[in-house]
N, C-alpha and C. Protein backbone atom coordinates (compact mmCIF):
# COMPACT_ATOMS: atom_id res chain seq x y z
N MET A 1 -10.90 0.64 3.03
CA MET A 1 -10.19 0.90 4.19
C MET A 1 -11.51 1.83 5.16
N ARG A 2 -11.08 1.23 6.26
CA ARG A 2 -11.58 1.92 7.93
C ARG A 2 -11.80 3.08 8.03
N ALA A 3 -12.36 4.21 7.74
CA ALA A 3 -11.60 5.99 8.43
C ALA A 3 -11.02 5.61 8.85
N LEU A 4 -9.97 7.12 9.30
CA LEU A 4 -9.03 7.67 9.93
C LEU A 4 -8.77 8.19 10.53
N THR A 5 -8.86 8.75 12.63
CA THR A 5 -9.03 9.94 12.68
C THR A 5 -7.18 10.25 12.04
N GLU A 6 -7.29 11.80 12.91
CA GLU A 6 -6.17 12.98 13.19
C GLU A 6 -4.71 11.87 13.99
N HIS A 7 -5.78 11.91 15.43
CA HIS A 7 -5.09 10.41 15.99
C HIS A 7 -4.63 9.35 15.67
N ASP A 8 -5.36 8.39 15.14
CA ASP A 8 -5.14 7.59 14.47
C ASP A 8 -3.46 7.40 13.45
N ILE A 9 -4.15 8.81 12.82
CA ILE A 9 -2.60 8.55 11.62
C ILE A 9 -1.48 9.42 12.24
N ARG A 10 -1.85 9.75 13.43
CA ARG A 10 0.03 10.12 14.22
C ARG A 10 -0.02 9.07 14.78
N ASP A 11 -0.72 8.43 15.39
CA ASP A 11 -0.13 7.21 16.34
C ASP A 11 0.85 5.52 15.49
N SER A 12 0.19 6.10 13.84
CA SER A 12 0.45 4.84 13.09
C SER A 12 1.67 4.78 12.68
N PHE A 13 2.78 6.49 12.61
CA PHE A 13 3.97 5.96 11.65
C PHE A 13 5.05 4.77 12.05
N VAL A 14 5.82 4.21 11.62
CA VAL A 14 6.43 3.72 11.47
C VAL A 14 7.63 3.65 11.81
N ASN A 15 8.29 5.15 10.42
CA ASN A 15 9.75 5.29 10.24
C ASN A 15 9.87 6.46 10.85
N CYS A 16 8.72 7.02 11.51
CA CYS A 16 9.78 8.67 11.73
C CYS A 16 9.69 8.32 13.34
N SER A 17 10.05 9.78 13.83
CA SER A 17 10.20 9.95 15.77
C SER A 17 8.80 10.22 15.37
N LYS A 18 8.13 10.02 17.14
CA LYS A 18 6.18 11.08 17.95
C LYS A 18 7.03 12.54 17.65
N GLY A 19 8.05 13.23 17.78
CA GLY A 19 7.92 14.50 16.95
C GLY A 19 7.48 14.46 15.62
N GLU A 20 8.75 13.97 14.95
CA GLU A 20 8.02 13.97 13.14
C GLU A 20 6.34 14.10 13.26
N ALA A 21 5.96 12.84 13.66
CA ALA A 21 4.24 12.41 13.33
C ALA A 21 3.91 13.45 13.70
N LYS A 22 4.35 13.93 15.44
CA LYS A 22 3.05 15.16 15.43
C LYS A 22 3.47 16.43 14.79
N ARG A 23 4.46 16.26 13.78
CA ARG A 23 4.56 17.70 13.05
C ARG A 23 4.02 18.42 11.78
N LEU A 24 3.23 16.58 11.16
CA LEU A 24 3.89 16.00 9.88
C LEU A 24 2.41 16.76 9.53
N ALA A 25 2.28 17.58 8.03
CA ALA A 25 0.76 18.21 8.37
C ALA A 25 -0.18 16.93 7.49
N VAL A 26 -1.20 16.66 8.47
CA VAL A 26 -2.31 16.13 8.03
C VAL A 26 -3.46 16.43 6.91
N PRO A 27 -4.23 15.47 6.76
CA PRO A 27 -5.10 16.27 5.84
C PRO A 27 -6.39 16.35 6.22
N ARG A 28 -6.34 17.67 6.29
CA ARG A 28 -8.34 18.62 7.11
C ARG A 28 -9.45 17.57 6.28
N ASP A 29 -9.10 17.15 5.41
CA ASP A 29 -10.66 16.75 5.22
C ASP A 29 -10.80 14.91 5.02
N LEU A 30 -10.47 14.70 6.18
CA LEU A 30 -10.43 13.22 6.91
C LEU A 30 -12.00 12.76 6.35
N ASP A 31 -13.40 13.94 7.20
CA ASP A 31 -14.50 13.44 6.80
C ASP A 31 -14.87 13.57 5.28
N GLU A 32 -14.12 14.26 4.00
CA GLU A 32 -15.06 13.72 2.62
C GLU A 32 -14.47 13.03 2.33
N ARG A 33 -13.06 11.61 2.69
CA ARG A 33 -12.23 11.25 1.74
C ARG A 33 -13.61 9.90 1.51
N PRO A 34 -13.06 9.50 0.17
CA PRO A 34 -13.96 7.80 0.11
C PRO A 34 -13.26 6.62 0.66
N TRP A 35 -13.61 6.85 2.03
CA TRP A 35 -13.01 5.32 2.86
C TRP A 35 -12.97 4.34 1.92
N ASP A 36 -14.36 3.85 1.26
CA ASP A 36 -14.66 3.07 0.86
C ASP A 36 -13.88 2.34 -0.42
N ASP A 37 -13.42 3.47 -0.98
CA ASP A 37 -12.66 3.06 -2.04
C ASP A 37 -10.84 3.01 -1.97
N LEU A 38 -10.53 3.91 -0.25
CA LEU A 38 -8.81 3.62 -0.84
C LEU A 38 -8.58 2.12 -0.10
N ASP A 39 -7.54 1.59 -0.82
CA ASP A 39 -6.96 0.58 -0.10
C ASP A 39 -5.89 1.19 1.55
N PHE A 40 -5.34 2.63 0.56
CA PHE A 40 -4.71 3.43 1.98
C PHE A 40 -4.88 5.01 1.16
N LEU A 41 -4.50 6.03 2.58
CA LEU A 41 -4.36 7.17 2.65
C LEU A 41 -3.16 7.38 2.62
N GLY A 42 -3.18 8.33 1.27
CA GLY A 42 -1.87 9.08 0.75
C GLY A 42 -2.21 10.21 0.48
N TRP A 43 -1.23 11.33 1.01
CA TRP A 43 -0.79 12.65 0.66
C TRP A 43 0.01 12.99 0.54
N ARG A 44 0.08 14.06 0.52
CA ARG A 44 1.08 15.03 -0.16
C ARG A 44 1.18 16.01 0.13
N ASP A 45 2.88 16.90 1.19
CA ASP A 45 2.63 17.54 2.36
C ASP A 45 2.63 19.28 1.82
N PRO A 46 2.12 19.81 1.96
CA PRO A 46 1.09 21.13 1.08
C PRO A 46 2.94 21.82 2.00
N GLY A 47 3.48 22.12 2.57
CA GLY A 47 4.48 23.02 3.37
C GLY A 47 5.72 22.45 3.13
N ALA A 48 5.91 20.84 2.57
CA ALA A 48 7.20 20.44 1.93
C ALA A 48 7.24 19.55 0.49
N PRO A 49 7.80 19.81 0.13
CA PRO A 49 7.25 19.78 -1.75
C PRO A 49 7.96 18.04 -2.06
N ASP A 50 8.57 17.79 -1.02
CA ASP A 50 9.21 16.64 -1.07
C ASP A 50 8.82 15.42 -0.49
N ARG A 51 7.75 15.73 0.50
CA ARG A 51 7.41 14.61 1.18
C ARG A 51 6.27 14.12 1.20
N SER A 52 6.13 12.69 1.17
CA SER A 52 4.38 12.50 1.00
C SER A 52 4.42 11.23 2.10
N TYR A 53 2.95 10.88 2.45
CA TYR A 53 2.77 10.31 3.59
C TYR A 53 1.27 8.80 2.71
N LEU A 54 1.80 7.68 3.40
CA LEU A 54 0.90 7.29 3.06
C LEU A 54 0.85 6.18 4.76
N VAL A 55 -0.67 5.13 4.98
CA VAL A 55 -1.23 4.89 5.70
C VAL A 55 -2.21 4.14 5.29
N THR A 56 -2.05 2.72 5.96
CA THR A 56 -2.76 1.55 5.45
C THR A 56 -2.77 0.38 6.40
N GLU A 57 -3.44 -0.01 6.61
CA GLU A 57 -3.45 -1.15 7.71
C GLU A 57 -2.81 -2.45 7.38
N ARG A 58 -2.07 -2.37 8.79
CA ARG A 58 -1.24 -3.69 8.30
C ARG A 58 -1.61 -4.78 9.42
N GLU A 59 -1.77 -6.07 9.67
CA GLU A 59 -2.23 -6.89 10.12
C GLU A 59 -2.95 -6.30 11.67
N GLY A 60 -4.42 -5.97 11.33
CA GLY A 60 -5.34 -5.04 11.51
C GLY A 60 -5.52 -4.06 11.92
N ARG A 61 -3.87 -2.70 12.20
CA ARG A 61 -3.95 -1.91 12.37
C ARG A 61 -3.00 -1.19 11.42
N PRO A 62 -3.55 0.67 11.86
CA PRO A 62 -2.81 1.69 10.55
C PRO A 62 -1.38 1.42 10.83
N ALA A 63 -1.13 1.66 10.13
CA ALA A 63 0.51 1.39 9.58
C ALA A 63 0.82 2.87 8.99
N GLY A 64 1.63 3.77 8.75
CA GLY A 64 2.09 5.25 8.38
C GLY A 64 3.81 4.85 7.94
N ILE A 65 3.49 5.39 6.63
CA ILE A 65 4.83 5.75 6.27
C ILE A 65 5.23 7.50 5.94
N ALA A 66 6.27 8.09 6.30
CA ALA A 66 6.55 9.10 5.39
C ALA A 66 7.70 8.82 4.37
N LEU A 67 7.46 9.20 3.33
CA LEU A 67 8.16 9.32 2.23
C LEU A 67 8.55 10.71 1.61
N ARG A 68 9.58 10.12 0.56
CA ARG A 68 9.97 11.38 0.46
C ARG A 68 10.51 11.59 -1.39
N TYR A 69 10.77 12.17 -1.88
CA TYR A 69 10.04 11.81 -3.67
C TYR A 69 11.43 12.86 -3.86
N PRO A 70 12.12 12.92 -4.94
CA PRO A 70 12.88 14.56 -5.73
C PRO A 70 11.59 14.84 -6.48
N PRO A 71 11.40 16.03 -6.89
CA PRO A 71 11.21 16.99 -8.11
C PRO A 71 11.36 16.41 -8.93
N SER A 72 9.85 16.41 -10.22
CA SER A 72 10.03 15.84 -11.02
C SER A 72 11.10 16.62 -12.44
N ARG A 73 12.25 15.74 -13.04
CA ARG A 73 12.75 16.16 -14.07
C ARG A 73 12.75 15.71 -15.10
N HIS A 74 11.32 14.76 -15.57
CA HIS A 74 11.12 14.41 -16.65
C HIS A 74 9.96 15.26 -17.64
N GLY A 75 10.27 15.42 -18.84
CA GLY A 75 9.64 15.71 -19.28
C GLY A 75 8.36 14.89 -20.04
N PHE A 76 7.33 16.63 -20.62
CA PHE A 76 5.94 15.63 -20.77
C PHE A 76 5.87 13.86 -21.51
N LEU A 77 6.71 13.96 -22.60
CA LEU A 77 6.97 13.47 -23.47
C LEU A 77 6.44 11.66 -22.72
N HIS A 78 7.59 12.10 -21.37
CA HIS A 78 8.45 10.57 -21.14
C HIS A 78 6.88 9.59 -20.30
N ARG A 79 6.57 9.05 -20.54
CA ARG A 79 6.00 8.21 -19.69
C ARG A 79 6.30 6.98 -18.52
N SER A 80 6.07 7.24 -17.03
CA SER A 80 6.30 6.28 -16.10
C SER A 80 5.78 5.11 -15.54
N MET A 81 5.37 4.15 -15.20
CA MET A 81 4.21 3.71 -14.58
C MET A 81 4.76 3.23 -12.91
N CYS A 82 3.66 3.02 -12.64
CA CYS A 82 2.92 3.48 -10.82
C CYS A 82 3.57 1.65 -10.35
N SER A 83 4.05 0.79 -9.81
CA SER A 83 4.59 0.10 -8.73
C SER A 83 3.54 -0.83 -8.69
N LEU A 84 2.98 0.18 -7.73
CA LEU A 84 1.41 -0.63 -7.23
C LEU A 84 0.47 -0.71 -7.79
N CYS A 85 -0.26 0.14 -8.56
CA CYS A 85 -0.88 0.41 -9.32
C CYS A 85 -1.71 -0.03 -10.60
N LEU A 86 0.39 0.18 -11.92
CA LEU A 86 0.19 -0.03 -12.66
C LEU A 86 0.02 1.21 -13.80
N THR A 87 -0.75 2.13 -13.43
CA THR A 87 -0.85 3.00 -13.83
C THR A 87 0.20 4.42 -14.77
N THR A 88 0.11 4.01 -15.71
CA THR A 88 1.29 5.25 -16.69
C THR A 88 0.51 6.42 -16.69
N HIS A 89 2.03 7.06 -16.45
CA HIS A 89 1.56 8.83 -16.21
C HIS A 89 2.19 9.65 -17.03
N PRO A 90 1.62 10.07 -17.45
CA PRO A 90 3.12 11.12 -18.65
C PRO A 90 3.92 12.50 -16.95
N GLY A 91 5.04 12.65 -17.48
CA GLY A 91 5.91 13.42 -16.90
C GLY A 91 6.31 13.51 -16.02
N GLY A 92 6.13 13.79 -14.98
CA GLY A 92 6.29 13.46 -13.45
C GLY A 92 5.25 12.93 -12.72
N GLY A 93 3.95 12.43 -13.46
CA GLY A 93 3.55 11.65 -12.46
C GLY A 93 3.28 10.14 -11.85
N VAL A 94 4.64 9.85 -11.95
CA VAL A 94 5.44 9.19 -11.23
C VAL A 94 6.34 9.03 -10.82
N SER A 95 6.82 9.00 -9.14
CA SER A 95 7.78 9.40 -8.73
C SER A 95 8.71 8.09 -7.59
N LEU A 96 9.56 8.07 -7.78
CA LEU A 96 10.24 6.95 -7.06
C LEU A 96 10.26 7.76 -5.68
N MET A 97 9.67 7.12 -4.78
CA MET A 97 9.23 7.47 -3.21
C MET A 97 10.09 6.57 -2.36
N THR A 98 11.11 7.56 -1.82
CA THR A 98 11.27 6.05 -0.81
C THR A 98 11.81 6.01 0.99
N ALA A 99 11.32 5.41 1.99
CA ALA A 99 11.21 5.16 2.92
C ALA A 99 11.99 5.11 4.10
N ARG A 100 12.75 5.29 5.03
CA ARG A 100 13.09 5.44 5.84
C ARG A 100 12.73 4.27 6.07
N LYS A 101 14.08 2.95 7.02
CA LYS A 101 13.36 2.06 7.55
C LYS A 101 13.30 2.17 9.34
N ALA A 102 11.91 0.62 9.09
CA ALA A 102 11.76 0.86 10.68
C ALA A 102 12.63 0.48 11.09
N GLY A 103 12.61 1.02 13.04
CA GLY A 103 13.57 0.78 13.69
C GLY A 103 15.26 0.67 13.31
N THR A 104 15.93 -0.08 13.88
CA THR A 104 17.25 -0.06 13.52
C THR A 104 18.15 0.46 12.73
N ALA A 105 17.23 -0.22 11.81
CA ALA A 105 18.24 -0.31 10.52
C ALA A 105 17.84 1.59 9.46
N GLY A 106 16.41 1.94 10.01
CA GLY A 106 15.95 3.20 9.73
C GLY A 106 16.81 4.50 10.21
N ARG A 107 17.09 4.04 12.09
CA ARG A 107 18.11 4.97 12.10
C ARG A 107 19.37 4.89 12.15
N GLU A 108 20.17 3.98 11.47
CA GLU A 108 21.24 4.19 10.32
C GLU A 108 21.52 4.60 8.90
N GLY A 109 19.80 5.00 8.35
CA GLY A 109 20.08 5.45 7.32
C GLY A 109 19.85 4.64 6.22
N ASN A 110 19.08 3.25 6.43
CA ASN A 110 18.61 2.24 5.56
C ASN A 110 17.33 2.91 4.78
N SER A 111 17.57 2.65 3.64
CA SER A 111 15.97 3.07 2.92
C SER A 111 15.20 2.15 2.06
N VAL A 112 14.13 2.39 1.49
CA VAL A 112 13.65 1.47 0.59
C VAL A 112 12.57 2.81 -0.28
N GLY A 113 12.72 2.05 -0.95
CA GLY A 113 11.90 2.16 -2.48
C GLY A 113 11.08 2.28 -3.54
N LEU A 114 10.11 2.56 -4.13
CA LEU A 114 9.23 2.15 -5.33
C LEU A 114 8.47 3.10 -6.69
N TYR A 115 8.55 2.82 -7.26
CA TYR A 115 7.92 3.59 -8.55
C TYR A 115 6.03 4.00 -8.04
N MET A 116 6.08 5.19 -7.76
CA MET A 116 4.33 5.48 -7.15
C MET A 116 3.68 6.39 -7.91
N CYS A 117 2.12 6.74 -8.23
CA CYS A 117 1.75 7.66 -8.19
C CYS A 117 2.91 8.45 -7.12
N THR A 118 2.34 9.99 -8.00
CA THR A 118 3.62 11.04 -7.23
C THR A 118 1.89 11.53 -6.55
N ASP A 119 0.21 11.34 -7.26
CA ASP A 119 -0.29 11.73 -6.57
C ASP A 119 -1.38 10.36 -5.76
N LEU A 120 -0.70 9.46 -5.28
CA LEU A 120 -1.02 8.43 -4.04
C LEU A 120 -2.49 7.96 -4.44
N ALA A 121 -2.79 8.33 -5.25
CA ALA A 121 -4.38 8.14 -5.63
C ALA A 121 -4.61 6.41 -6.58
N CYS A 122 -3.18 5.49 -6.12
CA CYS A 122 -3.51 4.21 -6.58
C CYS A 122 -5.35 3.55 -6.40
N SER A 123 -5.80 3.38 -5.74
CA SER A 123 -6.87 3.23 -5.12
C SER A 123 -7.69 3.60 -5.91
N LEU A 124 -7.47 4.32 -6.38
CA LEU A 124 -9.01 5.59 -7.70
C LEU A 124 -8.41 5.30 -8.36
N TYR A 125 -7.39 5.04 -8.94
CA TYR A 125 -7.70 3.83 -10.92
C TYR A 125 -7.75 3.22 -10.93
N VAL A 126 -7.19 2.32 -9.91
CA VAL A 126 -7.77 1.08 -9.97
C VAL A 126 -9.37 0.99 -10.38
N ARG A 127 -10.01 1.25 -9.74
CA ARG A 127 -11.68 1.42 -9.05
C ARG A 127 -11.81 1.61 -10.20
N GLY A 128 -11.03 3.29 -11.30
CA GLY A 128 -11.57 3.55 -12.10
C GLY A 128 -12.40 5.13 -11.70
N LYS A 129 -12.30 5.18 -10.41
CA LYS A 129 -12.81 6.37 -9.22
C LYS A 129 -11.68 8.08 -10.61
N LYS A 130 -10.47 7.92 -10.80
CA LYS A 130 -10.02 8.68 -11.30
C LYS A 130 -9.33 8.26 -11.65
N ALA A 131 -8.99 9.16 -13.59
CA ALA A 131 -9.02 8.94 -14.27
C ALA A 131 -7.34 9.43 -14.89
N PRO A 132 -6.83 8.69 -15.34
CA PRO A 132 -5.55 9.34 -15.66
C PRO A 132 -5.03 9.64 -17.08
N GLN A 133 -4.45 10.55 -17.30
CA GLN A 133 -4.21 11.05 -18.61
C GLN A 133 -4.49 9.90 -19.72
N PRO A 134 -4.71 10.26 -20.81
CA PRO A 134 -5.49 8.99 -21.71
C PRO A 134 -3.74 8.35 -22.28
N GLY A 135 -4.29 6.90 -22.24
CA GLY A 135 -3.31 5.41 -22.04
C GLY A 135 -2.75 5.33 -20.73
N GLY A 136 -3.73 6.10 -19.81
CA GLY A 136 -2.70 5.75 -18.38
C GLY A 136 -3.08 4.25 -17.82
N ARG A 137 -4.04 3.45 -18.72
CA ARG A 137 -4.46 2.89 -17.66
C ARG A 137 -4.81 1.50 -18.77
N PHE A 138 -4.04 0.25 -18.77
CA PHE A 138 -4.55 -0.79 -19.92
C PHE A 138 -5.97 -1.28 -19.87
N GLN A 139 -5.98 -2.32 -20.86
CA GLN A 139 -7.18 -2.99 -20.71
C GLN A 139 -6.59 -3.80 -20.38
N GLU A 140 -6.99 -4.53 -19.19
CA GLU A 140 -6.54 -5.82 -18.85
C GLU A 140 -7.60 -6.96 -18.72
N SER A 141 -7.72 -8.60 -17.96
CA SER A 141 -8.24 -9.31 -18.35
C SER A 141 -8.95 -9.98 -16.54
N LEU A 142 -8.07 -9.07 -15.95
CA LEU A 142 -8.54 -9.11 -13.93
C LEU A 142 -9.66 -8.57 -14.41
N THR A 143 -10.23 -8.74 -13.09
CA THR A 143 -11.16 -8.28 -13.00
C THR A 143 -10.66 -6.65 -11.86
N VAL A 144 -11.89 -5.58 -11.52
CA VAL A 144 -11.40 -4.20 -10.92
C VAL A 144 -10.81 -4.98 -9.58
N GLU A 145 -12.11 -6.50 -8.68
CA GLU A 145 -11.67 -6.87 -7.36
C GLU A 145 -10.26 -8.13 -7.41
N GLU A 146 -9.99 -7.74 -8.49
CA GLU A 146 -8.10 -8.91 -8.38
C GLU A 146 -7.43 -7.68 -8.67
N GLN A 147 -7.58 -6.79 -9.74
CA GLN A 147 -6.33 -5.59 -10.04
C GLN A 147 -6.50 -4.65 -8.07
N ILE A 148 -7.49 -4.79 -7.54
CA ILE A 148 -7.03 -4.80 -6.42
C ILE A 148 -6.35 -5.21 -5.23
N ALA A 149 -6.29 -6.45 -5.14
CA ALA A 149 -6.07 -7.48 -4.18
C ALA A 149 -3.94 -6.95 -4.93
N ARG A 150 -4.57 -6.97 -6.59
CA ARG A 150 -2.63 -7.20 -6.39
C ARG A 150 -1.79 -5.82 -6.39
N THR A 151 -2.97 -4.46 -6.19
CA THR A 151 -2.54 -3.01 -5.97
C THR A 151 -2.09 -3.56 -4.57
N ALA A 152 -2.87 -3.89 -3.44
CA ALA A 152 -2.80 -4.44 -2.02
C ALA A 152 -1.85 -5.54 -2.29
N GLY A 153 -1.76 -6.72 -2.16
CA GLY A 153 -0.24 -6.96 -2.76
C GLY A 153 1.39 -6.94 -2.81
N HIS A 154 0.75 -5.71 -4.00
CA HIS A 154 2.35 -4.88 -4.08
C HIS A 154 3.10 -3.95 -2.77
N LEU A 155 1.63 -3.16 -2.24
CA LEU A 155 2.23 -2.05 -0.90
C LEU A 155 2.56 -3.19 -0.20
N SER A 156 1.87 -4.52 0.17
CA SER A 156 2.60 -5.26 1.62
C SER A 156 3.54 -5.36 1.08
N ALA A 157 3.68 -5.76 -0.05
CA ALA A 157 5.31 -6.29 0.00
C ALA A 157 6.56 -5.79 -0.19
N PHE A 158 5.99 -3.96 -0.22
CA PHE A 158 6.88 -2.93 -0.18
C PHE A 158 7.20 -2.33 1.43
N LEU A 159 5.82 -2.75 2.45
CA LEU A 159 5.98 -2.62 3.69
C LEU A 159 6.63 -3.72 4.24
N ASP A 160 6.67 -4.80 3.77
CA ASP A 160 7.72 -6.05 4.21
C ASP A 160 9.07 -5.45 4.39
N LYS A 161 9.39 -4.71 3.25
CA LYS A 161 10.57 -4.21 3.00
C LYS A 161 11.34 -3.08 3.82
N LEU A 162 9.69 -2.39 4.37
CA LEU A 162 10.33 -1.72 6.05
C LEU A 162 10.82 -2.43 6.94
N TYR A 163 10.35 -3.16 7.02
CA TYR A 163 10.32 -4.09 8.60
C TYR A 163 11.73 -4.95 8.51
N THR A 164 12.64 -5.07 7.40
CA THR A 164 13.97 -6.23 7.94
C THR A 164 14.50 -5.53 6.86
């Protein structure tokens, strides 16, 4: 993914108003992000524990989505799998992230959801740059490049649902 500026990020949101995009908390460490290892930029809002944001490239331009998720209620022994990168996590490591749909459908209250890594570090898990809890990644016959493509395909399918 190409490096993004705060301006790029704020202008990219497709499922919130310009005012909401102007007020959301953008990471302060954009210069330190491993852009070459990211398929998307994802972060949690430190001031709103039920909100996260994700920005990826769609049709050559940044596309940002605001996500909401409920606080974790799972015990430590419970394991869940991320639908994007297929990493498993104990407890609240995977959350159902919901996004208001773009356009009229979103203004009418329609949303879509996907089980995702709560820390939104899918790109790093797939590349082996961040280690999940023991047993969090299955041994696969796919190459890392194929796993990256699969993750990107899952994200693209989720984004497609935002526009329909």
